[in-house]
Amino acid sequence: MNIAPNILDAVNEWLTPTFDQETQASVKDLMTTSPKELEESFYKNLEFGTGGMRGVMGVGNNRINKYTLGKNTQGLSDYLHEVFPNQTIKVVIAYDCRHNSNTLAKVVADVFSANGIQVYLFSDLRPTPELSFALKHLGCQCGIVLTASHNPPEYNGYKVYWEDGGQIVPPQDAAIINVIESLSYDKIKFNANESLIKYIDTEIDKAFVQSSIDNASFNTPAAAKDNLHIVFTSLHGTSIKSIPDTLSQAGYKNVHIVPEQAVPDGNFPTVKSPNPEEPEALTMALALADKTNSDIVVGTDPDCDRLGVAVRNNDGKMILLNGNQTMVLMTSFLLKQWQKAGKLNGKQFVGSTIVSTPMIMELATSYGVECKVGLTGFKWIAKMIKDFPELEFIGGGEESFGFMVGDAVRDKDAVAATLLICEIAAQAKAEGSSVYKELLQLYVENGFYKEFLVSLTKKGMEGLEEINQMMINLRQNPLKEINGERVIMVEDYQSSTALNLLTNEESTMDIPKSNVLIYYTADGSKICARPSGTEPKIKFYISVNAELESVLDFNEAESFLDGKIQNIIADMQLN
């Protein structure tokens, strides 16, 4: 077979005694039986993306395995000793329900301990937001969670958190990556110092659940809680460890759990994808909601940082809200509660991202509260909290079904967010309204913004080249018109420039570089092109808007905006 020289060099390294015999045998097997898979496994090093490092499990430097994670952890250990000299360094490690997560978490713990670092390792799977909470609660300098979020079963991943509880961001991530890349595999210390590994569980769980209740409860009367019927599904993931307890201790008694999906299982046997962004993932929960005549459905992804929400519309039919809608509802509710408590004084802010609905800006402005907008990913919202300690953080979210309530957890957190949406639903129902009616009223008050995501999957080396070429084409041949509307502004986050096509003036954007392009048209539409940082996809985020005079006009306005979205998709040939 013909193997490119760079791939052959990497393959030959993995056939040396540095790697165990089982690994070497697997590499040899790929060489004889799966040359294409061999290429995919070795053509590049697995990279850190928007949400850490994710990849397919297997042998090779472009796969998740004990050696790639061991190398990450060795490099991180060296960096920690450099940044925190002469200190007792502590890290905490959590993992989700995925295949090999528990054994890989122990490998990571072994390497840290072999480097003289105190390790707190959860004794069983836990939600990702609990890792962020535990890091601050235990006074650690660093945290790791083994997870691949909602990716397919063959994936796993590795996310790094820093002492503030947020994920690592530039320039620190680059500094850590440089240390990792300068290491050779034979430098990894795999021999654990077991005396430095301490297992943690119920004590942290209790503190985490109580913190979630403290942050996401807003004086909802007991009768209102009793009158709300909730369906919850963990989609075979980690949220079963926290959300039922949180809802119960917060006073919600009528919680119906989807039994077939309540057992953690890395195969995710009842769904095609364990992603609450996909309507199909909540099919069983919606059926249970109709059977129990429930008011609201909540489903979470495997590591419990995203949540999907379904509520009844004015005809009594369950409909799935998108991430922008839940984000708008939660932000509005929090702002109203802070205003009611007399806590708004101009020193607060909410957080959002460049691909999320512009409606959040309108909402924040109506309360006189600043809305800070960052790149995609909650690590950027966490960085806002760190960068502006003089301001209080109310809450923040992004379109991909994530929300963060307050500052106890500095990552998207489906535990507190689930409780928060139930508080919204219970209070609305008690007042003769509903979550759906509250959303329509927000559209009347702030403008009707509707978003749609087009996600194109392009797997492997060829897919990566295709995605790169699509972004090159959009940059070299920028669109002048979309759906008959003139493009008036183009923001290129890779070059940090914004070009006003009406005046031909170019300005510099003060935001970290990222491979993102955003087009704005004369009618207020916004189209964003962005390759995913964690999946083999390129995503196009479309936002359109219209005035809504009355909730009675909603159906007509929605039909108009749906048509506009489909025309944009056709015009840009995204279908």
Protein backbone atom coordinates (compact mmCIF):
# COMPACT_ATOMS: atom_id res chain seq x y z
CA MET A 1 0.00 0.00 0.00
CA ASN A 2 1.06 3.60 -0.63
CA ILE A 3 1.38 5.55 2.64
CA ALA A 4 2.30 9.25 2.71
CA PRO A 5 5.70 9.84 4.38
CA ASN A 6 4.29 11.87 7.30
CA ILE A 7 1.71 9.16 8.01
CA LEU A 8 4.34 6.41 7.74
CA ASP A 9 6.58 8.21 10.26
CA ALA A 10 3.72 8.41 12.74
CA VAL A 11 2.77 4.76 12.16
CA ASN A 12 6.35 3.57 12.69
CA GLU A 13 6.57 5.47 15.98
CA TRP A 14 3.52 3.55 17.25
CA LEU A 15 5.27 0.27 16.40
CA THR A 16 8.11 0.95 18.87
CA PRO A 17 8.32 -0.54 22.41
CA THR A 18 7.05 2.78 23.86
CA PHE A 19 3.58 1.42 22.99
CA ASP A 20 2.17 -1.78 24.46
CA GLN A 21 1.92 -4.95 22.39
CA GLU A 22 -1.84 -4.73 22.05
CA THR A 23 -1.55 -1.26 20.52
CA GLN A 24 1.20 -2.36 18.15
CA ALA A 25 -0.88 -5.34 17.05
CA SER A 26 -3.87 -3.06 16.35
CA VAL A 27 -1.69 -0.76 14.21
CA LYS A 28 -0.35 -3.72 12.22
CA ASP A 29 -3.88 -4.97 11.71
CA LEU A 30 -4.93 -1.59 10.29
CA MET A 31 -1.96 -1.66 7.91
CA THR A 32 -3.09 -4.94 6.38
CA THR A 33 -6.88 -4.71 6.59
CA SER A 34 -7.90 -1.03 6.65
CA PRO A 35 -5.45 1.31 4.89
CA LYS A 36 -8.06 4.08 4.71
CA GLU A 37 -8.72 3.81 8.45
CA LEU A 38 -4.95 3.82 9.04
CA GLU A 39 -4.69 7.11 7.17
CA GLU A 40 -7.57 8.62 9.14
CA SER A 41 -5.96 7.48 12.42
CA PHE A 42 -2.53 8.96 11.77
CA TYR A 43 -2.75 11.83 9.27
CA LYS A 44 -2.78 14.51 12.00
CA ASN A 45 -2.69 15.01 15.75
CA LEU A 46 -6.07 15.24 17.46
CA GLU A 47 -6.70 18.94 18.07
CA PHE A 48 -8.39 21.04 20.73
CA GLY A 49 -11.58 22.60 19.35
CA THR A 50 -14.47 24.72 20.68
CA GLY A 51 -15.31 22.27 23.46
CA GLY A 52 -11.93 20.65 24.13
CA MET A 53 -10.65 17.60 22.30
CA ARG A 54 -13.05 15.07 20.78
CA GLY A 55 -12.44 12.16 18.47
CA VAL A 56 -13.11 8.57 17.56
CA MET A 57 -11.63 6.02 19.97
CA GLY A 58 -8.89 3.78 18.59
CA VAL A 59 -5.14 3.62 17.99
CA GLY A 60 -3.21 6.50 16.43
CA ASN A 61 -2.39 10.13 17.11
CA ASN A 62 -5.72 11.25 15.57
CA ARG A 63 -7.71 9.03 17.92
CA ILE A 64 -8.75 9.03 21.58
CA ASN A 65 -6.71 6.43 23.50
CA LYS A 66 -4.52 6.06 26.60
CA TYR A 67 -1.49 7.48 24.77
CA THR A 68 -3.04 10.62 23.28
CA LEU A 69 -4.79 11.40 26.57
CA GLY A 70 -1.67 10.40 28.51
CA LYS A 71 0.41 12.81 26.45
CA ASN A 72 -2.14 15.59 27.01
CA THR A 73 -2.05 14.95 30.74
CA GLN A 74 1.75 14.77 30.92
CA GLY A 75 2.03 18.08 29.10
CA LEU A 76 -0.63 19.60 31.33
CA SER A 77 1.20 18.32 34.43
CA ASP A 78 4.43 19.96 33.26
CA TYR A 79 2.55 23.20 32.57
CA LEU A 80 0.87 23.16 36.00
CA HIS A 81 4.23 22.78 37.74
CA GLU A 82 5.55 25.69 35.68
CA VAL A 83 2.59 27.99 36.44
CA PHE A 84 2.18 27.01 40.11
CA PRO A 85 5.75 26.47 41.34
CA ASN A 86 6.27 25.34 44.94
CA GLN A 87 2.54 24.81 45.45
CA THR A 88 0.40 21.79 46.22
CA ILE A 89 -1.36 21.31 42.90
CA LYS A 90 -4.84 19.79 42.89
CA VAL A 91 -6.93 18.57 39.96
CA VAL A 92 -10.41 17.05 39.81
CA ILE A 93 -11.52 14.54 37.16
CA ALA A 94 -15.03 13.56 36.05
CA TYR A 95 -16.29 11.35 33.25
CA ASP A 96 -19.54 10.48 31.49
CA CYS A 97 -21.33 7.34 30.31
CA ARG A 98 -19.28 6.74 27.19
CA HIS A 99 -17.38 3.56 26.46
CA ASN A 100 -13.96 3.53 28.14
CA SER A 101 -14.62 6.82 29.99
CA ASN A 102 -13.97 5.27 33.40
CA THR A 103 -10.73 3.52 32.35
CA LEU A 104 -9.47 6.58 30.47
CA ALA A 105 -10.28 8.77 33.48
CA LYS A 106 -8.15 6.46 35.64
CA VAL A 107 -5.29 6.72 33.11
CA VAL A 108 -5.50 10.52 33.37
CA ALA A 109 -5.56 10.29 37.18
CA ASP A 110 -2.54 7.96 37.12
CA VAL A 111 -0.46 10.36 35.03
CA PHE A 112 -1.32 13.38 37.19
CA SER A 113 -0.48 11.45 40.38
CA ALA A 114 2.76 10.15 38.87
CA ASN A 115 3.70 13.80 38.46
CA GLY A 116 3.13 14.55 42.15
CA ILE A 117 -0.29 16.17 41.68
CA GLN A 118 -3.18 15.60 44.11
CA VAL A 119 -6.12 14.07 42.23
CA TYR A 120 -9.81 14.07 43.12
CA LEU A 121 -11.50 11.46 40.94
CA PHE A 122 -15.27 10.98 40.89
CA SER A 123 -16.06 7.38 41.82
CA ASP A 124 -18.70 7.10 39.08
CA LEU A 125 -20.01 9.07 36.11
CA ARG A 126 -21.15 12.66 36.77
CA PRO A 127 -22.59 15.61 34.79
CA THR A 128 -20.02 17.91 33.22
CA PRO A 129 -21.32 21.02 35.08
CA GLU A 130 -20.61 19.24 38.38
CA LEU A 131 -16.94 19.10 37.36
CA SER A 132 -16.83 22.90 36.98
CA PHE A 133 -18.58 23.28 40.34
CA ALA A 134 -16.28 20.76 42.08
CA LEU A 135 -13.17 22.49 40.77
CA LYS A 136 -14.02 25.71 42.58
CA HIS A 137 -15.58 23.93 45.56
CA LEU A 138 -12.38 21.93 46.19
CA GLY A 139 -10.01 24.80 45.41
CA CYS A 140 -8.32 23.00 42.50
CA GLN A 141 -6.09 24.59 39.89
CA CYS A 142 -7.35 22.41 37.06
CA GLY A 143 -10.17 20.05 36.10
CA ILE A 144 -10.66 17.41 33.41
CA VAL A 145 -13.83 15.80 32.14
CA LEU A 146 -13.86 12.80 29.83
CA THR A 147 -16.82 13.35 27.50
CA ALA A 148 -17.79 13.72 23.86
CA SER A 149 -21.07 15.47 24.65
CA HIS A 150 -23.71 14.35 22.10
CA ASN A 151 -21.33 12.84 19.52
CA PRO A 152 -21.95 9.26 18.25
CA PRO A 153 -21.04 6.25 20.46
CA GLU A 154 -17.58 5.72 18.92
CA TYR A 155 -16.41 9.12 20.17
CA ASN A 156 -14.87 10.27 23.44
CA GLY A 157 -13.16 13.46 24.51
CA TYR A 158 -11.09 15.48 26.96
CA LYS A 159 -12.01 18.95 28.25
CA VAL A 160 -9.66 21.07 30.34
CA TYR A 161 -10.90 23.56 32.95
CA TRP A 162 -8.85 26.12 34.89
CA GLU A 163 -9.00 27.37 38.47
CA ASP A 164 -11.84 29.85 37.79
CA GLY A 165 -14.08 26.91 36.78
CA GLY A 166 -14.14 27.78 33.07
CA GLN A 167 -12.55 25.97 30.15
CA ILE A 168 -9.12 27.08 28.99
CA VAL A 169 -9.03 29.94 26.46
CA PRO A 170 -6.30 31.75 24.50
CA PRO A 171 -3.50 32.42 25.01
CA GLN A 172 -3.32 29.76 27.72
CA ASP A 173 -4.66 26.97 25.52
CA ALA A 174 -1.90 27.58 22.96
CA ALA A 175 0.73 27.58 25.72
CA ILE A 176 -0.55 24.22 26.99
CA ILE A 177 -0.75 22.77 23.48
CA ASN A 178 2.85 23.85 22.79
CA VAL A 179 4.02 21.94 25.87
CA ILE A 180 2.02 18.87 24.83
CA GLU A 181 3.28 18.92 21.25
CA SER A 182 6.90 19.24 22.35
CA LEU A 183 6.60 15.98 24.30
CA SER A 184 7.41 12.56 22.96
CA TYR A 185 5.23 9.61 23.97
CA ASP A 186 8.08 7.98 25.91
CA LYS A 187 8.01 10.87 28.40
CA ILE A 188 4.53 9.98 29.71
CA LYS A 189 4.57 8.86 33.34
CA PHE A 190 1.90 6.17 33.55
CA ASN A 191 2.88 4.66 36.93
CA ALA A 192 0.35 6.02 39.44
CA ASN A 193 1.05 7.26 42.94
CA GLU A 194 -2.17 5.85 44.39
CA SER A 195 -1.70 7.77 47.64
CA LEU A 196 -2.38 10.98 45.68
CA ILE A 197 -5.69 9.76 44.19
CA LYS A 198 -8.77 10.44 46.31
CA TYR A 199 -12.22 9.27 45.22
CA ILE A 200 -15.11 11.72 45.68
CA ASP A 201 -18.87 11.35 45.42
CA THR A 202 -21.89 12.14 47.65
CA GLU A 203 -20.43 15.10 49.55
CA ILE A 204 -19.81 16.99 46.30
CA ASP A 205 -23.16 15.82 44.88
CA LYS A 206 -25.07 17.32 47.81
CA ALA A 207 -23.25 20.64 47.56
CA PHE A 208 -23.79 20.76 43.77
CA VAL A 209 -27.53 20.05 43.99
CA GLN A 210 -27.97 22.64 46.74
CA SER A 211 -26.03 25.22 44.71
CA SER A 212 -28.27 24.52 41.69
CA ILE A 213 -31.37 25.09 43.82
CA ASP A 214 -29.94 28.28 45.33
CA ASN A 215 -29.14 29.72 41.88
CA ALA A 216 -32.19 28.68 39.91
CA SER A 217 -35.11 29.00 42.38
CA PHE A 218 -37.22 32.16 42.37
CA ASN A 219 -39.92 32.07 45.05
CA THR A 220 -42.30 29.84 43.12
CA PRO A 221 -45.26 28.97 45.41
CA ALA A 222 -45.55 25.32 46.46
CA ALA A 223 -49.03 25.11 44.92
CA ALA A 224 -47.62 26.22 41.55
CA LYS A 225 -44.94 23.53 41.72
CA ASP A 226 -47.54 20.91 42.64
CA ASN A 227 -49.61 21.92 39.63
CA LEU A 228 -46.76 21.49 37.10
CA HIS A 229 -46.35 18.10 35.44
CA ILE A 230 -42.86 17.46 34.04
CA VAL A 231 -41.46 14.75 31.78
CA PHE A 232 -37.71 14.27 32.01
CA THR A 233 -35.31 12.12 30.02
CA SER A 234 -31.57 11.75 30.53
CA LEU A 235 -31.16 10.12 27.07
CA HIS A 236 -29.00 7.39 28.67
CA GLY A 237 -26.62 10.02 30.08
CA THR A 238 -25.27 11.44 33.32
CA SER A 239 -28.08 13.84 34.22
CA ILE A 240 -29.96 11.02 35.94
CA LYS A 241 -27.39 11.50 38.73
CA SER A 242 -28.48 15.08 39.49
CA ILE A 243 -31.63 16.40 37.86
CA PRO A 244 -34.27 14.19 39.55
CA ASP A 245 -32.74 14.99 42.97
CA THR A 246 -32.56 18.70 42.17
CA LEU A 247 -36.20 18.88 41.06
CA SER A 248 -37.36 16.81 44.04
CA GLN A 249 -35.46 18.87 46.61
CA ALA A 250 -36.67 22.08 44.93
CA GLY A 251 -40.25 20.93 45.54
CA TYR A 252 -41.33 19.50 42.19
CA LYS A 253 -43.24 16.27 42.87
CA ASN A 254 -44.82 15.46 39.52
CA VAL A 255 -41.76 14.40 37.53
CA HIS A 256 -42.22 11.54 35.06
CA ILE A 257 -38.90 10.00 34.00
CA VAL A 258 -38.70 8.11 30.70
CA PRO A 259 -37.77 4.67 32.10
CA GLU A 260 -36.28 3.21 28.89
CA GLN A 261 -33.74 6.06 28.75
CA ALA A 262 -32.94 6.38 32.46
CA VAL A 263 -30.06 3.86 32.55
CA PRO A 264 -26.68 5.34 31.46
CA ASP A 265 -25.53 3.55 28.30
CA GLY A 266 -22.79 4.62 25.91
CA ASN A 267 -24.56 2.88 23.02
CA PHE A 268 -27.58 5.22 23.39
CA PRO A 269 -29.82 2.34 22.23
CA THR A 270 -33.17 4.15 21.94
CA VAL A 271 -32.02 7.14 19.85
CA LYS A 272 -30.17 7.74 16.59
CA SER A 273 -28.39 10.64 18.26
CA PRO A 274 -28.43 11.52 21.99
CA ASN A 275 -28.70 15.19 21.12
CA PRO A 276 -31.69 17.17 22.43
CA GLU A 277 -31.21 19.55 19.50
CA GLU A 278 -32.63 16.73 17.33
CA PRO A 279 -36.45 16.49 17.67
CA GLU A 280 -36.28 12.72 17.18
CA ALA A 281 -34.26 12.33 20.40
CA LEU A 282 -37.28 13.43 22.44
CA THR A 283 -39.84 11.15 20.72
CA MET A 284 -40.28 8.86 23.74
CA ALA A 285 -40.45 11.80 26.14
CA LEU A 286 -43.12 13.51 24.04
CA ALA A 287 -45.17 10.30 23.98
CA LEU A 288 -44.94 10.08 27.77
CA ALA A 289 -45.98 13.74 28.05
CA ASP A 290 -49.15 13.06 26.09
CA LYS A 291 -49.84 9.93 28.13
CA THR A 292 -49.45 11.83 31.44
CA ASN A 293 -50.90 15.13 30.15
CA SER A 294 -47.70 16.89 31.23
CA ASP A 295 -46.97 20.57 30.70
CA ILE A 296 -43.29 20.45 29.81
CA VAL A 297 -40.64 18.03 28.53
CA VAL A 298 -36.92 18.37 29.31
CA GLY A 299 -34.23 16.15 27.79
CA THR A 300 -30.49 16.45 28.32
CA ASP A 301 -27.47 15.26 26.36
CA PRO A 302 -25.11 12.56 27.72
CA ASP A 303 -22.85 14.89 29.71
CA CYS A 304 -25.76 17.05 30.92
CA ASP A 305 -24.70 20.44 29.67
CA ARG A 306 -27.37 20.90 26.95
CA LEU A 307 -31.11 20.68 27.38
CA GLY A 308 -33.97 20.38 24.93
CA VAL A 309 -37.34 21.75 26.01
CA ALA A 310 -40.81 21.06 24.65
CA VAL A 311 -43.96 22.87 25.78
CA ARG A 312 -47.61 22.96 24.75
CA ASN A 313 -48.64 25.57 22.19
CA ASN A 314 -52.00 27.35 22.21
CA ASP A 315 -53.65 24.29 20.64
CA GLY A 316 -52.34 22.03 23.41
CA LYS A 317 -49.80 20.33 21.13
CA MET A 318 -46.26 19.68 22.33
CA ILE A 319 -43.65 21.62 20.32
CA LEU A 320 -39.87 21.58 20.69
CA LEU A 321 -38.34 24.98 21.41
CA ASN A 322 -34.98 25.75 19.83
CA GLY A 323 -31.95 26.87 21.80
CA ASN A 324 -32.46 30.54 20.97
CA GLN A 325 -36.04 30.41 22.24
CA THR A 326 -35.14 28.77 25.57
CA MET A 327 -32.26 31.22 25.92
CA VAL A 328 -34.60 34.19 25.36
CA LEU A 329 -37.17 32.85 27.84
CA MET A 330 -34.58 32.17 30.54
CA THR A 331 -32.78 35.50 30.09
CA SER A 332 -36.06 37.43 30.16
CA PHE A 333 -37.21 35.63 33.32
CA LEU A 334 -33.89 36.26 35.08
CA LEU A 335 -33.90 39.94 34.14
CA LYS A 336 -37.47 40.30 35.39
CA GLN A 337 -36.58 38.57 38.69
CA TRP A 338 -33.50 40.74 39.21
CA GLN A 339 -35.55 43.86 38.45
CA LYS A 340 -38.31 42.75 40.83
CA ALA A 341 -35.71 42.27 43.57
CA GLY A 342 -34.27 45.75 42.94
CA LYS A 343 -30.88 44.27 41.98
CA LEU A 344 -30.40 46.03 38.62
CA ASN A 345 -28.17 49.08 38.97
CA GLY A 346 -26.19 49.17 35.72
CA LYS A 347 -23.44 46.89 37.04
CA GLN A 348 -24.80 43.62 35.63
CA PHE A 349 -24.50 41.83 32.31
CA VAL A 350 -25.82 38.87 30.35
CA GLY A 351 -23.70 36.80 27.97
CA SER A 352 -24.30 35.55 24.45
CA THR A 353 -22.37 34.44 21.36
CA ILE A 354 -21.94 35.66 17.78
CA VAL A 355 -24.06 32.82 16.35
CA SER A 356 -26.98 33.26 18.77
CA THR A 357 -30.14 35.30 18.29
CA PRO A 358 -29.74 39.11 18.12
CA MET A 359 -32.97 39.25 20.14
CA ILE A 360 -30.90 38.87 23.32
CA MET A 361 -29.41 42.34 22.67
CA GLU A 362 -32.91 43.83 22.36
CA LEU A 363 -34.01 42.10 25.55
CA ALA A 364 -31.01 43.24 27.60
CA THR A 365 -31.33 46.82 26.32
CA SER A 366 -34.98 46.94 27.40
CA TYR A 367 -33.81 46.34 30.99
CA GLY A 368 -30.81 48.69 30.75
CA VAL A 369 -28.46 45.73 31.11
CA GLU A 370 -25.32 45.20 29.04
CA CYS A 371 -25.16 42.18 26.75
CA LYS A 372 -21.64 40.94 26.08
CA VAL A 373 -21.18 38.86 22.94
CA GLY A 374 -18.30 36.43 22.45
CA LEU A 375 -17.20 33.63 20.18
CA THR A 376 -19.06 30.30 20.10
CA GLY A 377 -18.65 28.22 23.24
CA PHE A 378 -19.31 28.78 26.91
CA LYS A 379 -15.61 29.14 27.66
CA TRP A 380 -15.96 32.65 26.23
CA ILE A 381 -18.90 33.49 28.50
CA ALA A 382 -16.88 32.15 31.45
CA LYS A 383 -14.01 34.41 30.35
CA MET A 384 -16.35 37.41 30.41
CA ILE A 385 -17.02 36.76 34.11
CA LYS A 386 -13.29 36.55 34.79
CA ASP A 387 -12.46 39.64 32.71
CA PHE A 388 -15.12 41.87 34.30
CA PRO A 389 -15.06 41.12 38.04
CA GLU A 390 -16.65 44.51 38.74
CA LEU A 391 -19.86 43.37 36.99
CA GLU A 392 -22.40 40.80 38.21
CA PHE A 393 -23.22 37.98 35.81
CA ILE A 394 -26.95 37.30 35.55
CA GLY A 395 -26.98 34.47 33.03
CA GLY A 396 -25.96 33.58 29.52
CA GLY A 397 -26.55 31.16 26.71
CA GLU A 398 -26.04 30.23 23.11
CA GLU A 399 -28.16 28.77 20.34
CA SER A 400 -26.89 25.21 20.81
CA PHE A 401 -29.32 24.44 23.64
CA GLY A 402 -27.09 25.58 26.50
CA PHE A 403 -27.56 28.04 29.34
CA MET A 404 -25.64 29.15 32.41
CA VAL A 405 -27.49 30.52 35.46
CA GLY A 406 -25.33 32.74 37.65
CA ASP A 407 -21.72 32.07 38.52
CA ALA A 408 -21.65 28.78 40.48
CA VAL A 409 -20.85 26.80 37.33
CA ARG A 410 -18.79 28.39 34.58
CA ASP A 411 -19.99 26.23 31.74
CA LYS A 412 -23.34 25.41 30.19
CA ASP A 413 -25.33 23.66 32.87
CA ALA A 414 -28.45 21.61 32.18
CA VAL A 415 -29.04 20.96 35.90
CA ALA A 416 -29.68 24.57 36.95
CA ALA A 417 -31.22 25.35 33.54
CA THR A 418 -33.75 22.50 33.91
CA LEU A 419 -34.84 23.84 37.28
CA LEU A 420 -35.02 27.37 35.86
CA ILE A 421 -37.28 26.44 32.93
CA CYS A 422 -39.55 24.56 35.37
CA GLU A 423 -39.74 27.69 37.55
CA ILE A 424 -40.75 29.68 34.45
CA ALA A 425 -43.36 27.08 33.50
CA ALA A 426 -44.80 26.77 37.03
CA GLN A 427 -45.13 30.52 37.54
CA ALA A 428 -46.62 31.06 34.08
CA LYS A 429 -49.22 28.31 34.59
CA ALA A 430 -50.13 29.67 38.02
CA GLU A 431 -50.79 33.06 36.40
CA GLY A 432 -53.04 31.59 33.72
CA SER A 433 -50.35 31.78 31.07
CA SER A 434 -47.87 29.25 29.63
CA VAL A 435 -44.25 29.12 28.49
CA TYR A 436 -45.45 29.36 24.89
CA LYS A 437 -47.63 32.42 25.56
CA GLU A 438 -44.75 34.08 27.40
CA LEU A 439 -42.53 33.55 24.35
CA LEU A 440 -45.08 35.08 21.97
CA GLN A 441 -45.43 38.10 24.22
CA LEU A 442 -41.65 38.57 24.16
CA TYR A 443 -41.81 38.62 20.35
CA VAL A 444 -44.44 41.36 20.47
CA GLU A 445 -42.33 43.42 22.87
CA ASN A 446 -38.88 42.91 21.31
CA GLY A 447 -39.46 41.89 17.70
CA PHE A 448 -40.03 38.40 16.28
CA TYR A 449 -36.63 36.82 15.65
CA LYS A 450 -36.52 33.39 14.05
CA GLU A 451 -33.39 31.30 13.61
CA PHE A 452 -32.55 28.20 11.63
CA LEU A 453 -29.41 26.05 11.56
CA VAL A 454 -28.14 24.27 8.46
CA SER A 455 -25.50 21.70 9.42
CA LEU A 456 -23.56 19.94 6.64
CA THR A 457 -21.56 16.85 7.66
CA LYS A 458 -18.25 16.26 5.84
CA LYS A 459 -16.30 13.37 7.34
CA GLY A 460 -12.61 12.48 7.18
CA MET A 461 -9.67 14.09 5.37
CA GLU A 462 -11.67 14.78 2.21
CA GLY A 463 -14.47 16.31 4.25
CA LEU A 464 -12.05 18.61 6.06
CA GLU A 465 -10.64 19.79 2.72
CA GLU A 466 -14.16 20.40 1.42
CA ILE A 467 -15.09 22.47 4.49
CA ASN A 468 -11.88 24.49 4.19
CA GLN A 469 -12.57 25.14 0.50
CA MET A 470 -16.12 26.33 1.25
CA MET A 471 -14.74 28.94 3.68
CA ILE A 472 -12.03 29.98 1.18
CA ASN A 473 -14.70 30.47 -1.52
CA LEU A 474 -16.86 32.58 0.79
CA ARG A 475 -13.84 34.77 1.61
CA GLN A 476 -12.40 35.10 -1.88
CA ASN A 477 -15.79 35.54 -3.57
CA PRO A 478 -17.89 37.30 -0.91
CA LEU A 479 -21.62 37.37 -1.50
CA LYS A 480 -22.95 40.77 -2.58
CA GLU A 481 -26.60 39.78 -2.35
CA ILE A 482 -28.56 37.09 -0.49
CA ASN A 483 -32.18 36.31 -1.33
CA GLY A 484 -32.46 39.53 -3.32
CA GLU A 485 -31.28 41.62 -0.35
CA ARG A 486 -28.07 43.60 -0.51
CA VAL A 487 -25.26 42.50 1.84
CA ILE A 488 -24.36 45.60 3.86
CA MET A 489 -21.76 44.22 6.26
CA VAL A 490 -19.34 41.28 6.34
CA GLU A 491 -17.54 40.32 9.54
CA ASP A 492 -14.51 38.06 9.15
CA TYR A 493 -13.43 36.77 12.54
CA GLN A 494 -10.32 35.13 11.10
CA SER A 495 -8.90 38.49 10.04
CA SER A 496 -10.74 40.39 12.84
CA THR A 497 -12.17 42.80 10.28
CA ALA A 498 -15.65 44.16 9.60
CA LEU A 499 -16.30 45.57 6.11
CA ASN A 500 -19.18 48.03 5.66
CA LEU A 501 -20.23 47.53 2.04
CA LEU A 502 -22.29 50.76 2.03
CA THR A 503 -19.30 52.98 2.85
CA ASN A 504 -16.51 50.52 1.93
CA GLU A 505 -14.96 51.25 5.34
CA GLU A 506 -13.11 48.48 7.12
CA SER A 507 -12.83 48.37 10.91
CA THR A 508 -10.98 46.09 13.31
CA MET A 509 -12.95 43.86 15.69
CA ASP A 510 -11.58 43.45 19.21
CA ILE A 511 -12.32 39.74 19.57
CA PRO A 512 -10.10 36.64 19.37
CA LYS A 513 -9.60 35.19 15.91
CA SER A 514 -11.85 32.36 14.76
CA ASN A 515 -12.75 30.79 11.43
CA VAL A 516 -16.16 32.46 11.19
CA LEU A 517 -17.84 34.70 8.58
CA ILE A 518 -21.03 36.66 9.20
CA TYR A 519 -23.10 38.38 6.50
CA TYR A 520 -25.70 41.06 7.33
CA THR A 521 -28.30 42.09 4.76
CA ALA A 522 -30.32 45.28 4.32
CA ASP A 523 -33.52 43.71 5.68
CA GLY A 524 -31.88 42.75 9.00
CA SER A 525 -31.10 39.13 8.16
CA LYS A 526 -27.90 37.58 9.51
CA ILE A 527 -26.13 34.55 8.05
CA CYS A 528 -23.13 33.04 9.79
CA ALA A 529 -20.79 30.40 8.33
CA ARG A 530 -18.70 28.44 10.82
CA PRO A 531 -16.87 25.09 10.70
CA SER A 532 -17.57 23.14 13.91
CA GLY A 533 -14.73 22.95 16.41
CA THR A 534 -15.69 19.48 17.65
CA GLU A 535 -17.49 17.69 14.79
CA PRO A 536 -16.84 17.10 11.05
CA LYS A 537 -19.41 19.73 10.09
CA ILE A 538 -19.79 23.19 8.65
CA LYS A 539 -22.70 25.12 10.10
CA PHE A 540 -24.73 27.98 8.67
CA TYR A 541 -26.73 29.97 11.24
CA ILE A 542 -29.59 31.97 9.71
CA SER A 543 -31.46 34.68 11.62
CA VAL A 544 -34.40 36.67 10.22
CA ASN A 545 -36.83 39.00 11.94
CA ALA A 546 -40.04 40.97 11.62
CA GLU A 547 -42.24 43.22 13.73
CA LEU A 548 -45.10 41.45 15.52
CA GLU A 549 -47.96 43.80 16.35
CA SER A 550 -50.03 41.21 18.21
CA VAL A 551 -49.84 37.55 19.19
CA LEU A 552 -52.84 37.09 16.88
CA ASP A 553 -50.50 37.83 13.95
CA PHE A 554 -47.94 35.19 14.98
CA ASN A 555 -48.87 32.43 12.51
CA GLU A 556 -48.83 34.78 9.54
CA ALA A 557 -45.50 36.33 10.62
CA GLU A 558 -43.95 32.91 11.22
CA SER A 559 -45.02 31.71 7.78
CA PHE A 560 -43.41 34.81 6.25
CA LEU A 561 -40.13 34.26 8.14
CA ASP A 562 -40.08 30.53 7.35
CA GLY A 563 -40.38 31.39 3.67
CA LYS A 564 -37.53 33.87 3.95
CA ILE A 565 -35.29 31.25 5.60
CA GLN A 566 -36.02 28.68 2.88
CA ASN A 567 -35.28 31.26 0.19
CA ILE A 568 -31.92 32.05 1.82
CA ILE A 569 -31.07 28.32 1.96
CA ALA A 570 -31.96 27.89 -1.72
CA ASP A 571 -30.12 31.05 -2.77
CA MET A 572 -26.94 29.98 -0.97
CA GLN A 573 -27.34 26.37 -2.22
CA LEU A 574 -27.21 24.93 1.30
CA ASN A 575 -29.74 22.13 0.72
